[in-house]
Amino acid sequence: DVLAGIAGALMAADLSALDAGEVAA
């Protein structure tokens, strides 16, 4: 759940899904 929250915030900041997923992980 924490990981999903970080990834979601990154996508709101306009990162792509691939970048948001890797950066969040």
PDB file of all heavy atoms in Angstrom:
ATOM      1  N   ASP A   1       0.831  -1.206   0.000  1.00  0.00           N
ATOM      2  CA  ASP A   1       0.000   0.000   0.000  1.00  0.00           C
ATOM      3  C   ASP A   1       0.868   1.259   0.000  1.00  0.00           C
ATOM      4  O   ASP A   1       0.572   2.235  -0.697  1.00  0.00           O
ATOM      5  CB  ASP A   1      -0.927  -0.002   1.213  1.00  0.00           C
ATOM      6  CG  ASP A   1      -1.801  -1.239   1.279  1.00  0.00           C
ATOM      7  OD1 ASP A   1      -2.314  -1.650   0.221  1.00  0.00           O
ATOM      8  OD2 ASP A   1      -1.950  -1.805   2.372  1.00  0.00           O
ATOM      9  N   VAL A   2       1.950   1.221   0.783  1.00  0.00           N
ATOM     10  CA  VAL A   2       2.878   2.355   0.798  1.00  0.00           C
ATOM     11  C   VAL A   2       3.513   2.534  -0.573  1.00  0.00           C
ATOM     12  O   VAL A   2       3.617   3.648  -1.095  1.00  0.00           O
ATOM     13  CB  VAL A   2       3.959   2.153   1.882  1.00  0.00           C
ATOM     14  CG1 VAL A   2       5.007   3.262   1.818  1.00  0.00           C
ATOM     15  CG2 VAL A   2       3.323   2.104   3.265  1.00  0.00           C
ATOM     16  N   LEU A   3       3.929   1.416  -1.181  1.00  0.00           N
ATOM     17  CA  LEU A   3       4.519   1.476  -2.524  1.00  0.00           C
ATOM     18  C   LEU A   3       3.542   2.081  -3.524  1.00  0.00           C
ATOM     19  O   LEU A   3       3.918   2.953  -4.332  1.00  0.00           O
ATOM     20  CB  LEU A   3       4.914   0.066  -2.971  1.00  0.00           C
ATOM     21  CG  LEU A   3       5.378  -0.092  -4.424  1.00  0.00           C
ATOM     22  CD1 LEU A   3       6.653   0.710  -4.670  1.00  0.00           C
ATOM     23  CD2 LEU A   3       5.600  -1.562  -4.760  1.00  0.00           C
ATOM     24  N   ALA A   4       2.276   1.651  -3.470  1.00  0.00           N
ATOM     25  CA  ALA A   4       1.277   2.184  -4.396  1.00  0.00           C
ATOM     26  C   ALA A   4       1.097   3.680  -4.189  1.00  0.00           C
ATOM     27  O   ALA A   4       0.934   4.437  -5.153  1.00  0.00           O
ATOM     28  CB  ALA A   4      -0.045   1.449  -4.201  1.00  0.00           C
ATOM     29  N   GLY A   5       1.129   4.129  -2.936  1.00  0.00           N
ATOM     30  CA  GLY A   5       0.999   5.554  -2.662  1.00  0.00           C
ATOM     31  C   GLY A   5       2.129   6.363  -3.254  1.00  0.00           C
ATOM     32  O   GLY A   5       1.915   7.432  -3.845  1.00  0.00           O
ATOM     33  N   ILE A   6       3.347   5.869  -3.117  1.00  0.00           N
ATOM     34  CA  ILE A   6       4.505   6.571  -3.691  1.00  0.00           C
ATOM     35  C   ILE A   6       4.390   6.617  -5.207  1.00  0.00           C
ATOM     36  O   ILE A   6       4.607   7.660  -5.836  1.00  0.00           O
ATOM     37  CB  ILE A   6       5.814   5.883  -3.261  1.00  0.00           C
ATOM     38  CG1 ILE A   6       5.971   5.924  -1.734  1.00  0.00           C
ATOM     39  CG2 ILE A   6       7.020   6.550  -3.929  1.00  0.00           C
ATOM     40  CD1 ILE A   6       7.119   5.069  -1.211  1.00  0.00           C
ATOM     41  N   ALA A   7       4.047   5.469  -5.814  1.00  0.00           N
ATOM     42  CA  ALA A   7       3.923   5.419  -7.278  1.00  0.00           C
ATOM     43  C   ALA A   7       2.828   6.353  -7.769  1.00  0.00           C
ATOM     44  O   ALA A   7       2.988   7.051  -8.778  1.00  0.00           O
ATOM     45  CB  ALA A   7       3.648   3.988  -7.724  1.00  0.00           C
ATOM     46  N   GLY A   8       1.702   6.393  -7.060  1.00  0.00           N
ATOM     47  CA  GLY A   8       0.617   7.276  -7.460  1.00  0.00           C
ATOM     48  C   GLY A   8       1.023   8.737  -7.420  1.00  0.00           C
ATOM     49  O   GLY A   8       0.710   9.520  -8.338  1.00  0.00           O
ATOM     50  N   ALA A   9       1.722   9.132  -6.359  1.00  0.00           N
ATOM     51  CA  ALA A   9       2.181  10.518  -6.257  1.00  0.00           C
ATOM     52  C   ALA A   9       3.125  10.870  -7.394  1.00  0.00           C
ATOM     53  O   ALA A   9       3.075  11.977  -7.949  1.00  0.00           O
ATOM     54  CB  ALA A   9       2.851  10.748  -4.901  1.00  0.00           C
ATOM     55  N   LEU A  10       3.978   9.937  -7.772  1.00  0.00           N
ATOM     56  CA  LEU A  10       4.911  10.184  -8.872  1.00  0.00           C
ATOM     57  C   LEU A  10       4.170  10.329 -10.200  1.00  0.00           C
ATOM     58  O   LEU A  10       4.549  11.161 -11.046  1.00  0.00           O
ATOM     59  CB  LEU A  10       5.931   9.051  -8.958  1.00  0.00           C
ATOM     60  CG  LEU A  10       6.976   9.030  -7.839  1.00  0.00           C
ATOM     61  CD1 LEU A  10       7.716   7.705  -7.813  1.00  0.00           C
ATOM     62  CD2 LEU A  10       7.960  10.188  -7.998  1.00  0.00           C
ATOM     63  N   MET A  11       3.119   9.558 -10.394  1.00  0.00           N
ATOM     64  CA  MET A  11       2.357   9.698 -11.633  1.00  0.00           C
ATOM     65  C   MET A  11       1.577  11.010 -11.646  1.00  0.00           C
ATOM     66  O   MET A  11       1.386  11.613 -12.708  1.00  0.00           O
ATOM     67  CB  MET A  11       1.453   8.498 -11.834  1.00  0.00           C
ATOM     68  CG  MET A  11       2.256   7.238 -12.158  1.00  0.00           C
ATOM     69  SD  MET A  11       1.268   5.809 -12.646  1.00  0.00           S
ATOM     70  CE  MET A  11       0.719   6.300 -14.269  1.00  0.00           C
ATOM     71  N   ALA A  12       1.137  11.469 -10.470  1.00  0.00           N
ATOM     72  CA  ALA A  12       0.499  12.790 -10.413  1.00  0.00           C
ATOM     73  C   ALA A  12       1.492  13.886 -10.770  1.00  0.00           C
ATOM     74  O   ALA A  12       1.110  14.954 -11.247  1.00  0.00           O
ATOM     75  CB  ALA A  12      -0.070  13.033  -9.016  1.00  0.00           C
ATOM     76  N   ALA A  13       2.775  13.623 -10.537  1.00  0.00           N
ATOM     77  CA  ALA A  13       3.834  14.573 -10.901  1.00  0.00           C
ATOM     78  C   ALA A  13       4.305  14.387 -12.329  1.00  0.00           C
ATOM     79  O   ALA A  13       5.308  14.966 -12.738  1.00  0.00           O
ATOM     80  CB  ALA A  13       5.016  14.423  -9.941  1.00  0.00           C
ATOM     81  N   ASP A  14       3.590  13.540 -13.103  1.00  0.00           N
ATOM     82  CA  ASP A  14       3.773  13.390 -14.548  1.00  0.00           C
ATOM     83  C   ASP A  14       4.887  12.430 -14.942  1.00  0.00           C
ATOM     84  O   ASP A  14       5.364  12.477 -16.075  1.00  0.00           O
ATOM     85  CB  ASP A  14       3.989  14.745 -15.220  1.00  0.00           C
ATOM     86  CG  ASP A  14       3.613  14.717 -16.703  1.00  0.00           C
ATOM     87  OD1 ASP A  14       2.667  13.972 -17.049  1.00  0.00           O
ATOM     88  OD2 ASP A  14       4.256  15.410 -17.503  1.00  0.00           O
ATOM     89  N   LEU A  15       5.313  11.529 -14.069  1.00  0.00           N
ATOM     90  CA  LEU A  15       6.215  10.470 -14.505  1.00  0.00           C
ATOM     91  C   LEU A  15       5.416   9.416 -15.256  1.00  0.00           C
ATOM     92  O   LEU A  15       4.241   9.187 -14.974  1.00  0.00           O
ATOM     93  CB  LEU A  15       6.931   9.827 -13.314  1.00  0.00           C
ATOM     94  CG  LEU A  15       8.287  10.429 -12.939  1.00  0.00           C
ATOM     95  CD1 LEU A  15       8.113  11.823 -12.369  1.00  0.00           C
ATOM     96  CD2 LEU A  15       9.018   9.520 -11.954  1.00  0.00           C
ATOM     97  N   SER A  16       6.054   8.745 -16.205  1.00  0.00           N
ATOM     98  CA  SER A  16       5.416   7.653 -16.913  1.00  0.00           C
ATOM     99  C   SER A  16       5.211   6.478 -15.971  1.00  0.00           C
ATOM    100  O   SER A  16       5.810   6.401 -14.885  1.00  0.00           O
ATOM    101  CB  SER A  16       6.276   7.209 -18.094  1.00  0.00           C
ATOM    102  OG  SER A  16       7.449   6.554 -17.622  1.00  0.00           O
ATOM    103  N   ALA A  17       4.391   5.527 -16.386  1.00  0.00           N
ATOM    104  CA  ALA A  17       4.124   4.365 -15.544  1.00  0.00           C
ATOM    105  C   ALA A  17       5.397   3.571 -15.276  1.00  0.00           C
ATOM    106  O   ALA A  17       5.641   3.131 -14.151  1.00  0.00           O
ATOM    107  CB  ALA A  17       3.075   3.477 -16.206  1.00  0.00           C
ATOM    108  N   LEU A  18       6.235   3.378 -16.308  1.00  0.00           N
ATOM    109  CA  LEU A  18       7.475   2.624 -16.119  1.00  0.00           C
ATOM    110  C   LEU A  18       8.402   3.341 -15.153  1.00  0.00           C
ATOM    111  O   LEU A  18       8.927   2.744 -14.202  1.00  0.00           O
ATOM    112  CB  LEU A  18       8.177   2.413 -17.461  1.00  0.00           C
ATOM    113  CG  LEU A  18       9.453   1.567 -17.407  1.00  0.00           C
ATOM    114  CD1 LEU A  18       9.112   0.097 -17.222  1.00  0.00           C
ATOM    115  CD2 LEU A  18      10.282   1.752 -18.669  1.00  0.00           C
ATOM    116  N   ASP A  19       8.608   4.647 -15.370  1.00  0.00           N
ATOM    117  CA  ASP A  19       9.495   5.401 -14.488  1.00  0.00           C
ATOM    118  C   ASP A  19       8.931   5.481 -13.074  1.00  0.00           C
ATOM    119  O   ASP A  19       9.665   5.322 -12.089  1.00  0.00           O
ATOM    120  CB  ASP A  19       9.712   6.810 -15.038  1.00  0.00           C
ATOM    121  CG  ASP A  19      10.639   6.838 -16.243  1.00  0.00           C
ATOM    122  OD1 ASP A  19      11.288   5.816 -16.521  1.00  0.00           O
ATOM    123  OD2 ASP A  19      10.699   7.882 -16.921  1.00  0.00           O
ATOM    124  N   ALA A  20       7.634   5.745 -12.961  1.00  0.00           N
ATOM    125  CA  ALA A  20       7.027   5.854 -11.636  1.00  0.00           C
ATOM    126  C   ALA A  20       7.151   4.540 -10.880  1.00  0.00           C
ATOM    127  O   ALA A  20       7.463   4.525  -9.680  1.00  0.00           O
ATOM    128  CB  ALA A  20       5.565   6.258 -11.756  1.00  0.00           C
ATOM    129  N   GLY A  21       6.922   3.430 -11.576  1.00  0.00           N
ATOM    130  CA  GLY A  21       7.035   2.135 -10.925  1.00  0.00           C
ATOM    131  C   GLY A  21       8.444   1.859 -10.442  1.00  0.00           C
ATOM    132  O   GLY A  21       8.652   1.425  -9.304  1.00  0.00           O
ATOM    133  N   GLU A  22       9.429   2.119 -11.298  1.00  0.00           N
ATOM    134  CA  GLU A  22      10.806   1.817 -10.902  1.00  0.00           C
ATOM    135  C   GLU A  22      11.303   2.769  -9.826  1.00  0.00           C
ATOM    136  O   GLU A  22      11.950   2.352  -8.857  1.00  0.00           O
ATOM    137  CB  GLU A  22      11.739   1.869 -12.113  1.00  0.00           C
ATOM    138  CG  GLU A  22      13.155   1.456 -11.751  1.00  0.00           C
ATOM    139  CD  GLU A  22      14.086   1.314 -12.932  1.00  0.00           C
ATOM    140  OE1 GLU A  22      13.709   1.719 -14.048  1.00  0.00           O
ATOM    141  OE2 GLU A  22      15.199   0.795 -12.734  1.00  0.00           O
ATOM    142  N   VAL A  23      11.017   4.056  -9.975  1.00  0.00           N
ATOM    143  CA  VAL A  23      11.463   5.027  -8.968  1.00  0.00           C
ATOM    144  C   VAL A  23      10.806   4.729  -7.625  1.00  0.00           C
ATOM    145  O   VAL A  23      11.462   4.752  -6.575  1.00  0.00           O
ATOM    146  CB  VAL A  23      11.154   6.461  -9.439  1.00  0.00           C
ATOM    147  CG1 VAL A  23      11.403   7.462  -8.315  1.00  0.00           C
ATOM    148  CG2 VAL A  23      12.003   6.812 -10.654  1.00  0.00           C
ATOM    149  N   ALA A  24       9.507   4.437  -7.638  1.00  0.00           N
ATOM    150  CA  ALA A  24       8.808   4.118  -6.393  1.00  0.00           C
ATOM    151  C   ALA A  24       9.384   2.865  -5.747  1.00  0.00           C
ATOM    152  O   ALA A  24       9.587   2.825  -4.520  1.00  0.00           O
ATOM    153  CB  ALA A  24       7.318   3.933  -6.665  1.00  0.00           C
ATOM    154  N   ALA A  25       9.660   1.826  -6.549  1.00  0.00           N
ATOM    155  CA  ALA A  25      10.209   0.589  -5.998  1.00  0.00           C
ATOM    156  C   ALA A  25      11.585   0.817  -5.381  1.00  0.00           C
ATOM    157  O   ALA A  25      11.908   0.274  -4.319  1.00  0.00           O
ATOM    158  CB  ALA A  25      10.284  -0.481  -7.094  1.00  0.00           C
TER     159      ALA A  25
END
